[in-house]
Amino acid sequence: WAEFQSRLSEVISLIDDTADLTIGTESGGNGPTPFVKLSSPQPGMIR
């Protein structure tokens, strides 16, 4: 998890308004699964 978080931080530092990043989860349950979505609504800001 520490290694993953480090890599994710690097990716976030490069995100711009050209594309979003969705990190999904896989599970055997029913219905839509959890996710985290990253985007840059304006230069220098991350949502």
All heavy atoms as atom14 arrays in JSON, in Angstrom:
{
  "sequence": "WAEFQSRLSEVISLIDDTADLTIGTESGGNGPTPFVKLSSPQPGMIR",
  "atom14_mask": [
    [1, 1, 1, 1, 1, 1, 1, 1, 1, 1, 1, 1, 1, 1],
    [1, 1, 1, 1, 1, 0, 0, 0, 0, 0, 0, 0, 0, 0],
    [1, 1, 1, 1, 1, 1, 1, 1, 1, 0, 0, 0, 0, 0],
    [1, 1, 1, 1, 1, 1, 1, 1, 1, 1, 1, 0, 0, 0],
    [1, 1, 1, 1, 1, 1, 1, 1, 1, 0, 0, 0, 0, 0],
    [1, 1, 1, 1, 1, 1, 0, 0, 0, 0, 0, 0, 0, 0],
    [1, 1, 1, 1, 1, 1, 1, 1, 1, 1, 1, 0, 0, 0],
    [1, 1, 1, 1, 1, 1, 1, 1, 0, 0, 0, 0, 0, 0],
    [1, 1, 1, 1, 1, 1, 0, 0, 0, 0, 0, 0, 0, 0],
    [1, 1, 1, 1, 1, 1, 1, 1, 1, 0, 0, 0, 0, 0],
    [1, 1, 1, 1, 1, 1, 1, 0, 0, 0, 0, 0, 0, 0],
    [1, 1, 1, 1, 1, 1, 1, 1, 0, 0, 0, 0, 0, 0],
    [1, 1, 1, 1, 1, 1, 0, 0, 0, 0, 0, 0, 0, 0],
    [1, 1, 1, 1, 1, 1, 1, 1, 0, 0, 0, 0, 0, 0],
    [1, 1, 1, 1, 1, 1, 1, 1, 0, 0, 0, 0, 0, 0],
    [1, 1, 1, 1, 1, 1, 1, 1, 0, 0, 0, 0, 0, 0],
    [1, 1, 1, 1, 1, 1, 1, 1, 0, 0, 0, 0, 0, 0],
    [1, 1, 1, 1, 1, 1, 1, 0, 0, 0, 0, 0, 0, 0],
    [1, 1, 1, 1, 1, 0, 0, 0, 0, 0, 0, 0, 0, 0],
    [1, 1, 1, 1, 1, 1, 1, 1, 0, 0, 0, 0, 0, 0],
    [1, 1, 1, 1, 1, 1, 1, 1, 0, 0, 0, 0, 0, 0],
    [1, 1, 1, 1, 1, 1, 1, 0, 0, 0, 0, 0, 0, 0],
    [1, 1, 1, 1, 1, 1, 1, 1, 0, 0, 0, 0, 0, 0],
    [1, 1, 1, 1, 0, 0, 0, 0, 0, 0, 0, 0, 0, 0],
    [1, 1, 1, 1, 1, 1, 1, 0, 0, 0, 0, 0, 0, 0],
    [1, 1, 1, 1, 1, 1, 1, 1, 1, 0, 0, 0, 0, 0],
    [1, 1, 1, 1, 1, 1, 0, 0, 0, 0, 0, 0, 0, 0],
    [1, 1, 1, 1, 0, 0, 0, 0, 0, 0, 0, 0, 0, 0],
    [1, 1, 1, 1, 0, 0, 0, 0, 0, 0, 0, 0, 0, 0],
    [1, 1, 1, 1, 1, 1, 1, 1, 0, 0, 0, 0, 0, 0],
    [1, 1, 1, 1, 0, 0, 0, 0, 0, 0, 0, 0, 0, 0],
    [1, 1, 1, 1, 1, 1, 1, 0, 0, 0, 0, 0, 0, 0],
    [1, 1, 1, 1, 1, 1, 1, 0, 0, 0, 0, 0, 0, 0],
    [1, 1, 1, 1, 1, 1, 1, 0, 0, 0, 0, 0, 0, 0],
    [1, 1, 1, 1, 1, 1, 1, 1, 1, 1, 1, 0, 0, 0],
    [1, 1, 1, 1, 1, 1, 1, 0, 0, 0, 0, 0, 0, 0],
    [1, 1, 1, 1, 1, 1, 1, 1, 1, 0, 0, 0, 0, 0],
    [1, 1, 1, 1, 1, 1, 1, 1, 0, 0, 0, 0, 0, 0],
    [1, 1, 1, 1, 1, 1, 0, 0, 0, 0, 0, 0, 0, 0],
    [1, 1, 1, 1, 1, 1, 0, 0, 0, 0, 0, 0, 0, 0],
    [1, 1, 1, 1, 1, 1, 1, 0, 0, 0, 0, 0, 0, 0],
    [1, 1, 1, 1, 1, 1, 1, 1, 1, 0, 0, 0, 0, 0],
    [1, 1, 1, 1, 1, 1, 1, 0, 0, 0, 0, 0, 0, 0],
    [1, 1, 1, 1, 0, 0, 0, 0, 0, 0, 0, 0, 0, 0],
    [1, 1, 1, 1, 1, 1, 1, 1, 0, 0, 0, 0, 0, 0],
    [1, 1, 1, 1, 1, 1, 1, 1, 0, 0, 0, 0, 0, 0],
    [1, 1, 1, 1, 1, 1, 1, 1, 1, 1, 1, 0, 0, 0]
  ],
  "atom14_positions": [
    [[0.83, -1.21, 0.0], [0.0, 0.0, 0.0], [0.87, 1.26, 0.0], [0.54, 2.25, -0.66], [-0.93, 0.01, 1.21], [-2.18, -0.78, 1.03], [-2.57, -1.9, 1.72], [-3.25, -0.5, 0.11], [-3.78, -2.34, 1.28], [-4.23, -1.5, 0.29], [-3.46, 0.49, -0.85], [-5.41, -1.53, -0.46], [-4.63, 0.47, -1.6], [-5.59, -0.53, -1.4]],
    [[1.98, 1.23, 0.72], [2.87, 2.39, 0.74], [3.46, 2.65, -0.65], [3.56, 3.8, -1.1], [3.99, 2.18, 1.77], [0.0, 0.0, 0.0], [0.0, 0.0, 0.0], [0.0, 0.0, 0.0], [0.0, 0.0, 0.0], [0.0, 0.0, 0.0], [0.0, 0.0, 0.0], [0.0, 0.0, 0.0], [0.0, 0.0, 0.0], [0.0, 0.0, 0.0]],
    [[3.85, 1.56, -1.33], [4.39, 1.7, -2.68], [3.32, 2.2, -3.63], [3.58, 3.08, -4.47], [4.93, 0.34, -3.16], [5.38, 0.3, -4.61], [6.6, 1.14, -4.9], [7.28, 1.55, -3.93], [6.87, 1.4, -6.09], [0.0, 0.0, 0.0], [0.0, 0.0, 0.0], [0.0, 0.0, 0.0], [0.0, 0.0, 0.0], [0.0, 0.0, 0.0]],
    [[2.11, 1.68, -3.51], [1.01, 2.12, -4.35], [0.72, 3.6, -4.13], [0.53, 4.37, -5.07], [-0.23, 1.29, -4.05], [-1.47, 1.76, -4.77], [-1.71, 1.37, -6.08], [-2.37, 2.59, -4.14], [-2.85, 1.81, -6.74], [-3.5, 3.03, -4.8], [-3.75, 2.65, -6.11], [0.0, 0.0, 0.0], [0.0, 0.0, 0.0], [0.0, 0.0, 0.0]],
    [[0.69, 4.01, -2.87], [0.41, 5.42, -2.56], [1.48, 6.34, -3.13], [1.18, 7.42, -3.65], [0.31, 5.61, -1.05], [-0.05, 7.04, -0.65], [-0.22, 7.2, 0.84], [-0.69, 6.28, 1.53], [0.15, 8.36, 1.37], [0.0, 0.0, 0.0], [0.0, 0.0, 0.0], [0.0, 0.0, 0.0], [0.0, 0.0, 0.0], [0.0, 0.0, 0.0]],
    [[2.74, 5.9, -3.07], [3.83, 6.7, -3.62], [3.67, 6.88, -5.12], [3.84, 7.99, -5.66], [5.17, 6.03, -3.29], [6.24, 6.71, -3.9], [0.0, 0.0, 0.0], [0.0, 0.0, 0.0], [0.0, 0.0, 0.0], [0.0, 0.0, 0.0], [0.0, 0.0, 0.0], [0.0, 0.0, 0.0], [0.0, 0.0, 0.0], [0.0, 0.0, 0.0]],
    [[3.32, 5.79, -5.82], [3.13, 5.88, -7.27], [1.93, 6.75, -7.6], [1.95, 7.54, -8.56], [2.95, 4.49, -7.87], [4.18, 3.61, -7.74], [3.94, 2.28, -8.43], [5.01, 1.34, -8.14], [5.04, 0.11, -8.57], [4.06, -0.35, -9.32], [6.05, -0.7, -8.27], [0.0, 0.0, 0.0], [0.0, 0.0, 0.0], [0.0, 0.0, 0.0]],
    [[0.86, 6.6, -6.82], [-0.34, 7.39, -7.06], [-0.05, 8.88, -6.89], [-0.53, 9.71, -7.66], [-1.46, 6.95, -6.11], [-2.79, 7.7, -6.24], [-3.34, 7.56, -7.66], [-3.79, 7.19, -5.21], [0.0, 0.0, 0.0], [0.0, 0.0, 0.0], [0.0, 0.0, 0.0], [0.0, 0.0, 0.0], [0.0, 0.0, 0.0], [0.0, 0.0, 0.0]],
    [[0.75, 9.22, -5.9], [1.13, 10.62, -5.68], [1.85, 11.18, -6.91], [1.59, 12.32, -7.33], [2.01, 10.74, -4.44], [2.39, 12.07, -4.21], [0.0, 0.0, 0.0], [0.0, 0.0, 0.0], [0.0, 0.0, 0.0], [0.0, 0.0, 0.0], [0.0, 0.0, 0.0], [0.0, 0.0, 0.0], [0.0, 0.0, 0.0], [0.0, 0.0, 0.0]],
    [[2.74, 10.38, -7.49], [3.45, 10.83, -8.68], [2.48, 11.05, -9.84], [2.6, 12.03, -10.59], [4.5, 9.79, -9.08], [5.65, 9.65, -8.09], [6.65, 8.6, -8.53], [6.57, 8.17, -9.7], [7.49, 8.21, -7.71], [0.0, 0.0, 0.0], [0.0, 0.0, 0.0], [0.0, 0.0, 0.0], [0.0, 0.0, 0.0], [0.0, 0.0, 0.0]],
    [[1.51, 10.14, -10.0], [0.53, 10.28, -11.07], [-0.31, 11.54, -10.86], [-0.57, 12.3, -11.79], [-0.38, 9.03, -11.13], [-1.54, 9.25, -12.09], [0.42, 7.81, -11.56], [0.0, 0.0, 0.0], [0.0, 0.0, 0.0], [0.0, 0.0, 0.0], [0.0, 0.0, 0.0], [0.0, 0.0, 0.0], [0.0, 0.0, 0.0], [0.0, 0.0, 0.0]],
    [[-0.74, 11.78, -9.61], [-1.56, 12.95, -9.31], [-0.82, 14.24, -9.65], [-1.41, 15.2, -10.15], [-1.98, 12.93, -7.82], [-2.97, 11.79, -7.57], [-2.61, 14.27, -7.41], [-3.27, 11.54, -6.1], [0.0, 0.0, 0.0], [0.0, 0.0, 0.0], [0.0, 0.0, 0.0], [0.0, 0.0, 0.0], [0.0, 0.0, 0.0], [0.0, 0.0, 0.0]],
    [[0.47, 14.24, -9.41], [1.25, 15.45, -9.69], [1.31, 15.77, -11.18], [1.69, 16.89, -11.56], [2.67, 15.29, -9.14], [3.41, 14.34, -9.89], [0.0, 0.0, 0.0], [0.0, 0.0, 0.0], [0.0, 0.0, 0.0], [0.0, 0.0, 0.0], [0.0, 0.0, 0.0], [0.0, 0.0, 0.0], [0.0, 0.0, 0.0], [0.0, 0.0, 0.0]],
    [[0.91, 14.82, -12.04], [0.97, 15.01, -13.49], [-0.41, 15.1, -14.14], [-0.51, 15.32, -15.35], [1.74, 13.86, -14.13], [3.2, 13.69, -13.68], [3.78, 12.42, -14.26], [4.04, 14.9, -14.06], [0.0, 0.0, 0.0], [0.0, 0.0, 0.0], [0.0, 0.0, 0.0], [0.0, 0.0, 0.0], [0.0, 0.0, 0.0], [0.0, 0.0, 0.0]],
    [[-1.49, 14.92, -13.36], [-2.83, 14.95, -13.94], [-3.15, 16.34, -14.47], [-2.85, 17.36, -13.83], [-3.87, 14.52, -12.88], [-3.77, 13.01, -12.62], [-5.29, 14.86, -13.32], [-4.73, 12.51, -11.56], [0.0, 0.0, 0.0], [0.0, 0.0, 0.0], [0.0, 0.0, 0.0], [0.0, 0.0, 0.0], [0.0, 0.0, 0.0], [0.0, 0.0, 0.0]],
    [[-3.77, 16.39, -15.66], [-4.26, 17.67, -16.18], [-5.69, 17.48, -16.67], [-6.33, 16.45, -16.38], [-3.35, 18.19, -17.3], [-3.2, 17.19, -18.44], [-4.13, 16.39, -18.65], [-2.16, 17.22, -19.13], [0.0, 0.0, 0.0], [0.0, 0.0, 0.0], [0.0, 0.0, 0.0], [0.0, 0.0, 0.0], [0.0, 0.0, 0.0], [0.0, 0.0, 0.0]],
    [[-6.21, 18.47, -17.4], [-7.62, 18.41, -17.78], [-7.88, 17.55, -19.01], [-9.01, 17.5, -19.51], [-8.16, 19.83, -18.02], [-7.41, 20.56, -19.14], [-6.47, 19.96, -19.71], [-7.76, 21.73, -19.42], [0.0, 0.0, 0.0], [0.0, 0.0, 0.0], [0.0, 0.0, 0.0], [0.0, 0.0, 0.0], [0.0, 0.0, 0.0], [0.0, 0.0, 0.0]],
    [[-6.86, 16.83, -19.49], [-7.06, 16.02, -20.69], [-7.67, 14.66, -20.39], [-8.21, 14.01, -21.28], [-5.73, 15.81, -21.43], [-4.81, 15.13, -20.57], [-5.13, 17.15, -21.84], [0.0, 0.0, 0.0], [0.0, 0.0, 0.0], [0.0, 0.0, 0.0], [0.0, 0.0, 0.0], [0.0, 0.0, 0.0], [0.0, 0.0, 0.0], [0.0, 0.0, 0.0]],
    [[-7.57, 14.2, -19.15], [-8.1, 12.87, -18.83], [-8.29, 12.72, -17.33], [-7.55, 13.32, -16.54], [-7.17, 11.78, -19.34], [0.0, 0.0, 0.0], [0.0, 0.0, 0.0], [0.0, 0.0, 0.0], [0.0, 0.0, 0.0], [0.0, 0.0, 0.0], [0.0, 0.0, 0.0], [0.0, 0.0, 0.0], [0.0, 0.0, 0.0], [0.0, 0.0, 0.0]],
    [[-9.29, 11.94, -16.96], [-9.51, 11.6, -15.55], [-8.89, 10.23, -15.27], [-8.63, 9.46, -16.19], [-11.01, 11.55, -15.24], [-11.69, 12.89, -15.47], [-10.99, 13.91, -15.49], [-12.92, 12.89, -15.65], [0.0, 0.0, 0.0], [0.0, 0.0, 0.0], [0.0, 0.0, 0.0], [0.0, 0.0, 0.0], [0.0, 0.0, 0.0], [0.0, 0.0, 0.0]],
    [[-8.7, 9.94, -14.0], [-8.2, 8.63, -13.59], [-9.2, 8.03, -12.62], [-9.46, 8.61, -11.56], [-6.83, 8.74, -12.93], [-6.31, 7.46, -12.26], [-6.07, 6.38, -13.31], [-5.03, 7.73, -11.49], [0.0, 0.0, 0.0], [0.0, 0.0, 0.0], [0.0, 0.0, 0.0], [0.0, 0.0, 0.0], [0.0, 0.0, 0.0], [0.0, 0.0, 0.0]],
    [[-9.76, 6.89, -12.97], [-10.68, 6.18, -12.08], [-10.01, 4.9, -11.59], [-9.55, 4.1, -12.39], [-12.0, 5.84, -12.8], [-12.64, 7.04, -13.22], [-12.94, 5.09, -11.85], [0.0, 0.0, 0.0], [0.0, 0.0, 0.0], [0.0, 0.0, 0.0], [0.0, 0.0, 0.0], [0.0, 0.0, 0.0], [0.0, 0.0, 0.0], [0.0, 0.0, 0.0]],
    [[-9.97, 4.75, -10.28], [-9.42, 3.55, -9.67], [-10.59, 2.74, -9.14], [-11.22, 3.11, -8.14], [-8.44, 3.89, -8.53], [-7.3, 4.76, -9.06], [-7.88, 2.61, -7.91], [-6.38, 5.28, -7.98], [0.0, 0.0, 0.0], [0.0, 0.0, 0.0], [0.0, 0.0, 0.0], [0.0, 0.0, 0.0], [0.0, 0.0, 0.0], [0.0, 0.0, 0.0]],
    [[-10.91, 1.66, -9.82], [-12.04, 0.85, -9.43], [-11.64, -0.3, -8.53], [-10.45, -0.54, -8.28], [0.0, 0.0, 0.0], [0.0, 0.0, 0.0], [0.0, 0.0, 0.0], [0.0, 0.0, 0.0], [0.0, 0.0, 0.0], [0.0, 0.0, 0.0], [0.0, 0.0, 0.0], [0.0, 0.0, 0.0], [0.0, 0.0, 0.0], [0.0, 0.0, 0.0]],
    [[-12.63, -1.0, -8.04], [-12.41, -2.18, -7.21], [-13.18, -3.33, -7.82], [-14.19, -3.13, -8.51], [-12.87, -1.97, -5.76], [-14.28, -1.67, -5.74], [-12.12, -0.8, -5.12], [0.0, 0.0, 0.0], [0.0, 0.0, 0.0], [0.0, 0.0, 0.0], [0.0, 0.0, 0.0], [0.0, 0.0, 0.0], [0.0, 0.0, 0.0], [0.0, 0.0, 0.0]],
    [[-12.69, -4.54, -7.57], [-13.36, -5.73, -8.07], [-13.84, -6.55, -6.89], [-13.09, -6.8, -5.95], [-12.41, -6.54, -8.94], [-12.0, -5.79, -10.21], [-11.18, -6.64, -11.15], [-10.73, -7.71, -10.72], [-11.0, -6.24, -12.31], [0.0, 0.0, 0.0], [0.0, 0.0, 0.0], [0.0, 0.0, 0.0], [0.0, 0.0, 0.0], [0.0, 0.0, 0.0]],
    [[-15.09, -6.95, -6.95], [-15.67, -7.69, -5.84], [-16.75, -8.62, -6.36], [-17.32, -8.41, -7.43], [-16.26, -6.72, -4.8], [-16.92, -7.43, -3.77], [0.0, 0.0, 0.0], [0.0, 0.0, 0.0], [0.0, 0.0, 0.0], [0.0, 0.0, 0.0], [0.0, 0.0, 0.0], [0.0, 0.0, 0.0], [0.0, 0.0, 0.0], [0.0, 0.0, 0.0]],
    [[-17.05, -9.64, -5.56], [-18.08, -10.59, -5.93], [-19.47, -10.15, -5.54], [-20.43, -10.88, -5.76], [0.0, 0.0, 0.0], [0.0, 0.0, 0.0], [0.0, 0.0, 0.0], [0.0, 0.0, 0.0], [0.0, 0.0, 0.0], [0.0, 0.0, 0.0], [0.0, 0.0, 0.0], [0.0, 0.0, 0.0], [0.0, 0.0, 0.0], [0.0, 0.0, 0.0]],
    [[-19.63, -8.95, -4.97], [-20.93, -8.49, -4.55], [-21.8, -8.03, -5.71], [-21.39, -7.99, -6.86], [0.0, 0.0, 0.0], [0.0, 0.0, 0.0], [0.0, 0.0, 0.0], [0.0, 0.0, 0.0], [0.0, 0.0, 0.0], [0.0, 0.0, 0.0], [0.0, 0.0, 0.0], [0.0, 0.0, 0.0], [0.0, 0.0, 0.0], [0.0, 0.0, 0.0]],
    [[-23.04, -7.68, -5.38], [-23.99, -7.25, -6.39], [-24.04, -5.73, -6.47], [-23.97, -5.03, -5.47], [-25.39, -7.78, -6.06], [-25.46, -9.3, -6.12], [-24.9, -9.91, -7.02], [-26.14, -9.91, -5.16], [0.0, 0.0, 0.0], [0.0, 0.0, 0.0], [0.0, 0.0, 0.0], [0.0, 0.0, 0.0], [0.0, 0.0, 0.0], [0.0, 0.0, 0.0]],
    [[-24.19, -5.23, -7.69], [-24.34, -3.8, -7.89], [-23.02, -3.1, -8.1], [-21.94, -3.69, -7.99], [0.0, 0.0, 0.0], [0.0, 0.0, 0.0], [0.0, 0.0, 0.0], [0.0, 0.0, 0.0], [0.0, 0.0, 0.0], [0.0, 0.0, 0.0], [0.0, 0.0, 0.0], [0.0, 0.0, 0.0], [0.0, 0.0, 0.0], [0.0, 0.0, 0.0]],
    [[-23.09, -1.79, -8.41], [-21.87, -1.0, -8.65], [-20.91, -1.06, -7.47], [-21.32, -0.99, -6.31], [-22.42, 0.42, -8.86], [-23.83, 0.21, -9.33], [-24.31, -1.01, -8.61], [0.0, 0.0, 0.0], [0.0, 0.0, 0.0], [0.0, 0.0, 0.0], [0.0, 0.0, 0.0], [0.0, 0.0, 0.0], [0.0, 0.0, 0.0], [0.0, 0.0, 0.0]],
    [[-19.63, -1.2, -7.78], [-18.6, -1.34, -6.75], [-17.94, 0.0, -6.44], [-18.05, 0.95, -7.21], [-17.52, -2.34, -7.2], [-16.96, -1.87, -8.43], [-18.12, -3.72, -7.41], [0.0, 0.0, 0.0], [0.0, 0.0, 0.0], [0.0, 0.0, 0.0], [0.0, 0.0, 0.0], [0.0, 0.0, 0.0], [0.0, 0.0, 0.0], [0.0, 0.0, 0.0]],
    [[-17.23, 0.1, -5.31], [-16.58, 1.36, -4.94], [-15.51, 1.78, -5.94], [-14.91, 0.96, -6.64], [-15.95, 1.03, -3.58], [-16.75, -0.1, -3.04], [-17.12, -0.91, -4.24], [0.0, 0.0, 0.0], [0.0, 0.0, 0.0], [0.0, 0.0, 0.0], [0.0, 0.0, 0.0], [0.0, 0.0, 0.0], [0.0, 0.0, 0.0], [0.0, 0.0, 0.0]],
    [[-15.26, 3.07, -5.98], [-14.21, 3.62, -6.84], [-13.74, 4.95, -6.28], [-14.42, 5.58, -5.46], [-14.72, 3.82, -8.28], [-15.84, 4.82, -8.39], [-15.58, 6.19, -8.48], [-17.16, 4.4, -8.41], [-16.62, 7.11, -8.57], [-18.2, 5.32, -8.49], [-17.92, 6.68, -8.58], [0.0, 0.0, 0.0], [0.0, 0.0, 0.0], [0.0, 0.0, 0.0]],
    [[-12.58, 5.37, -6.74], [-12.07, 6.71, -6.49], [-11.74, 7.32, -7.84], [-11.11, 6.68, -8.68], [-10.82, 6.68, -5.59], [-10.12, 8.03, -5.59], [-11.19, 6.29, -4.16], [0.0, 0.0, 0.0], [0.0, 0.0, 0.0], [0.0, 0.0, 0.0], [0.0, 0.0, 0.0], [0.0, 0.0, 0.0], [0.0, 0.0, 0.0], [0.0, 0.0, 0.0]],
    [[-12.18, 8.56, -8.07], [-11.97, 9.23, -9.35], [-11.19, 10.52, -9.15], [-11.51, 11.31, -8.26], [-13.32, 9.53, -10.01], [-13.21, 10.24, -11.35], [-14.6, 10.49, -11.92], [-14.52, 11.24, -13.25], [-15.86, 11.5, -13.82], [0.0, 0.0, 0.0], [0.0, 0.0, 0.0], [0.0, 0.0, 0.0], [0.0, 0.0, 0.0], [0.0, 0.0, 0.0]],
    [[-10.16, 10.71, -9.95], [-9.3, 11.89, -9.86], [-9.42, 12.7, -11.15], [-9.42, 12.14, -12.25], [-7.85, 11.47, -9.64], [-7.56, 10.79, -8.3], [-6.44, 9.79, -8.43], [-7.24, 11.83, -7.24], [0.0, 0.0, 0.0], [0.0, 0.0, 0.0], [0.0, 0.0, 0.0], [0.0, 0.0, 0.0], [0.0, 0.0, 0.0], [0.0, 0.0, 0.0]],
    [[-9.51, 14.01, -11.0], [-9.59, 14.89, -12.16], [-8.97, 16.23, -11.82], [-8.67, 16.52, -10.65], [-11.04, 15.07, -12.6], [-11.8, 15.68, -11.56], [0.0, 0.0, 0.0], [0.0, 0.0, 0.0], [0.0, 0.0, 0.0], [0.0, 0.0, 0.0], [0.0, 0.0, 0.0], [0.0, 0.0, 0.0], [0.0, 0.0, 0.0], [0.0, 0.0, 0.0]],
    [[-8.77, 17.04, -12.85], [-8.22, 18.38, -12.66], [-9.2, 19.39, -13.23], [-9.18, 19.68, -14.43], [-6.86, 18.5, -13.35], [-6.32, 19.8, -13.19], [0.0, 0.0, 0.0], [0.0, 0.0, 0.0], [0.0, 0.0, 0.0], [0.0, 0.0, 0.0], [0.0, 0.0, 0.0], [0.0, 0.0, 0.0], [0.0, 0.0, 0.0], [0.0, 0.0, 0.0]],
    [[-10.1, 19.93, -12.41], [-11.11, 20.86, -12.92], [-10.53, 22.19, -13.39], [-11.15, 22.87, -14.2], [-12.04, 21.06, -11.72], [-11.18, 20.78, -10.53], [-10.23, 19.71, -10.97], [0.0, 0.0, 0.0], [0.0, 0.0, 0.0], [0.0, 0.0, 0.0], [0.0, 0.0, 0.0], [0.0, 0.0, 0.0], [0.0, 0.0, 0.0], [0.0, 0.0, 0.0]],
    [[-9.37, 22.54, -12.88], [-8.68, 23.75, -13.32], [-7.19, 23.56, -13.08], [-6.79, 22.75, -12.23], [-9.2, 24.98, -12.58], [-9.11, 24.87, -11.06], [-9.7, 26.07, -10.36], [-9.29, 27.2, -10.62], [-10.68, 25.84, -9.49], [0.0, 0.0, 0.0], [0.0, 0.0, 0.0], [0.0, 0.0, 0.0], [0.0, 0.0, 0.0], [0.0, 0.0, 0.0]],
    [[-6.36, 24.27, -13.82], [-4.92, 24.08, -13.66], [-4.47, 24.24, -12.21], [-4.85, 25.18, -11.52], [-4.33, 25.17, -14.55], [-5.38, 25.42, -15.58], [-6.69, 25.24, -14.87], [0.0, 0.0, 0.0], [0.0, 0.0, 0.0], [0.0, 0.0, 0.0], [0.0, 0.0, 0.0], [0.0, 0.0, 0.0], [0.0, 0.0, 0.0], [0.0, 0.0, 0.0]],
    [[-3.67, 23.26, -11.75], [-3.12, 23.34, -10.41], [-4.02, 22.84, -9.31], [-3.64, 22.84, -8.14], [0.0, 0.0, 0.0], [0.0, 0.0, 0.0], [0.0, 0.0, 0.0], [0.0, 0.0, 0.0], [0.0, 0.0, 0.0], [0.0, 0.0, 0.0], [0.0, 0.0, 0.0], [0.0, 0.0, 0.0], [0.0, 0.0, 0.0], [0.0, 0.0, 0.0]],
    [[-5.24, 22.39, -9.65], [-6.18, 21.88, -8.65], [-6.56, 20.44, -9.01], [-6.72, 20.09, -10.18], [-7.44, 22.73, -8.6], [-7.24, 24.12, -8.01], [-6.73, 24.08, -6.26], [-8.21, 23.38, -5.49], [0.0, 0.0, 0.0], [0.0, 0.0, 0.0], [0.0, 0.0, 0.0], [0.0, 0.0, 0.0], [0.0, 0.0, 0.0], [0.0, 0.0, 0.0]],
    [[-6.7, 19.62, -7.99], [-7.1, 18.23, -8.16], [-8.39, 17.99, -7.4], [-8.5, 18.36, -6.22], [-6.02, 17.25, -7.68], [-4.75, 17.41, -8.5], [-6.53, 15.8, -7.76], [-4.89, 17.06, -9.97], [0.0, 0.0, 0.0], [0.0, 0.0, 0.0], [0.0, 0.0, 0.0], [0.0, 0.0, 0.0], [0.0, 0.0, 0.0], [0.0, 0.0, 0.0]],
    [[-9.32, 17.38, -8.08], [-10.58, 16.97, -7.44], [-10.57, 15.45, -7.33], [-10.29, 14.75, -8.3], [-11.78, 17.43, -8.25], [-13.13, 17.08, -7.61], [-14.27, 17.54, -8.51], [-15.57, 17.26, -7.92], [-16.25, 18.09, -7.14], [-15.74, 19.29, -6.87], [-17.43, 17.75, -6.65], [0.0, 0.0, 0.0], [0.0, 0.0, 0.0], [0.0, 0.0, 0.0]]
  ]
}
